Each structure stands twice: as structure tokens, then as C-alpha cells.
Amino acid sequence: MQIHLTEGDLLDQPVEAIVNAWNRNLIPWWLLLPQGVSGALKRRAGSQPFREVARHGVIPLGEAVLTSAGRLPFRGIIHVAGINLLWRSSEFSVRQSVRSALRIANEQQFRSLALPLIGAGSGGGSPERIQDFIIGELSAGHFPGDVYVVRYRADGGCRS
């Protein structure tokens, strides 16, 4: 696996799939005011990916589901349940989310993947700690392609 650390907009990365830091589907998507990555996704991809993720029901903490990319040019969006019932991330939720995203990416034979800093936005985690958790988990995992860890950039990039 080739790991790339980059800053910018998750939705502009040259990859086949992206990861969306999502909630656990306890509250219907249409009742939420999407923030960060989810807000950018809703604006640019449309509501189709959110309708699809809702069909999966409650997602266990750290697990993931795959949807289409809506109007975006990716092969798919992997939605990870990276925050707990109190809307907070933890080392467990971040690491398990990365493992789940890699599992789906491998199953779907994606060649490239981009992840935000899962749980560093509305999840309240320190960007530095979250990045360390993600890099640690990626380094321990297996994926035969490129993985971009995208850190939010204040000049228009989307947040996690």
C-alpha cells in the first residue's frame, strides 16, 4: 500500500472511492444538517448516496457500508460509522472505521481510496491524534493500491 498525506478537498482526489465519516444511522439523514464531508457530499453528489446508506439501518460503531457516488465521478462511497452515540470519535471508532473501509475497498477491488480525518471534525478528535490512528491502522492493514489521507484545508477543502 502506498500512503499519501495530502491537504485539500476529499472530493477532488484522483481515486476510485472515497470514505465518508458518517453517523450510525440512528437519525434519518433527511433530519440532519450534514456538516463537513457529509455536507460537501450532499451538495455535490446529491441525496442518492444518503438514501442508499439509510437502507442499511443502524450501522455498528466502526463498521462501514458502500453506496454509489451519486453525481461524483467515483466508483463508490464508503460510509464509516466513526462517531458514537454522543457524536464523539474515539481511538476504537477511528481504527475500526479504517479497517472496515479497507475491507470494503479490497472486496470491491478498488485501486485507490481517499479518507478524511475520520472524527476530527464534528467528532471532536484532535486532527494530529486522528491522523496518527489512521496512519497506524493503514500501516498494519493490506490494500494493493494508493490511499490518500486528506487533511481539511481552510481555503475551500471539505472537512471530516
Foldseek 3Di string as FASTA:
>chain_A
DAEAEEAFAQLPDPWQEEEAQDAQLPDQPVVDCDAFPRNVQCVQQNCQQSVVVNVVHGHPQLAWDWDDSRNGPHRIYIYANQADPVLAGDLVSLLSVLVNVQVVCVVVVIQEYEYELRRVPSNVDPSVVSVVSNVVSVVVDDDNHYYYYYYYDPPDHTHD
